[in-house]
Structure formats: C-alpha cells, structure tokens
Amino acid sequence: QVQLVESGGGLVQAGGSLRLSCEASRRASGTSAMGWFRQAPGKERVFVAAITWGGGMTYYAEAVKGRFTVSRVNAQNTMYLQMNDLKSEDTAVYYCTRKNNAGLGNYDQYAAWDYWGQGTQVTVSS
C-alpha cells in the first residue's frame, strides 16, 4: 500500500507563492504517474496538475496554467507543486494522488487515480 503525505500548505497573501510537497511512503512498483487535485469548501475535488513518472509530460488545469509547476524527484519519492501568483480562488485543500501505473488516461478524473493523501490546506488572503 502506498501512503502519500502532503506538506507545505499555509496562509499566503494574494500574489505570493507556496511550494507543496508530496512524499510517498515507499517506491511503487513500475512507473507511476502522480498528480494534484484540490477541493474548495462546498465544491467538488478538481484536477490541478499531473506528471508522468519520468517528468517528461505534464498537464495542468486551465485555471493554473502559467502559474503552477509540477515536478518530481523519483529518487526521493517526492512530487512538488510550485504555486506562484496565488489568487483567492486558489484557496482549497490540496491533495496528492498517485496511479498504479504509468498511464495518464483520464488524468483529470477523480476516479482514475488509485491512492490519495490526506490533503494540505492552502489559504490565499486578498
């Protein structure tokens, strides 16, 4: 069983930056894709970003393109989300997620992912 632990959330002013981290408890077999979702109060959990095992391909939600960057260091079992120019609408709980395989089919669908972290709160004040 893969366990995912997020960190790096907090309170930041609009226009500021944060970097989230997600560490996997052990190396998953094979080459697993990873991603980030977020859930604002009273709303559904939605896709933010995804990255292939080698980091060669990344995908972003339109709302964060140009401001967020996803990356990973496989030797450390860690994925990152660098968030710049934060806006009040970025306020949410951010969840790390991982697949059992390398494929990124339906990457923007909650049901396509296999493992989830507990989430880390990001609050952007305006």
Foldseek 3Di string as FASTA:
>chain_A
DKAKAKDWADEEAAQAKIKMKIAIPDQAPAWKKKAKWWDDPPGDIWGAKIAFRVRPDMDGDPVQPPFWDWDADVVRRMIMIIGGRDDQVVWTWMKMFMANYRDCVVVGDPVRTDYIYPTDTHGYHD
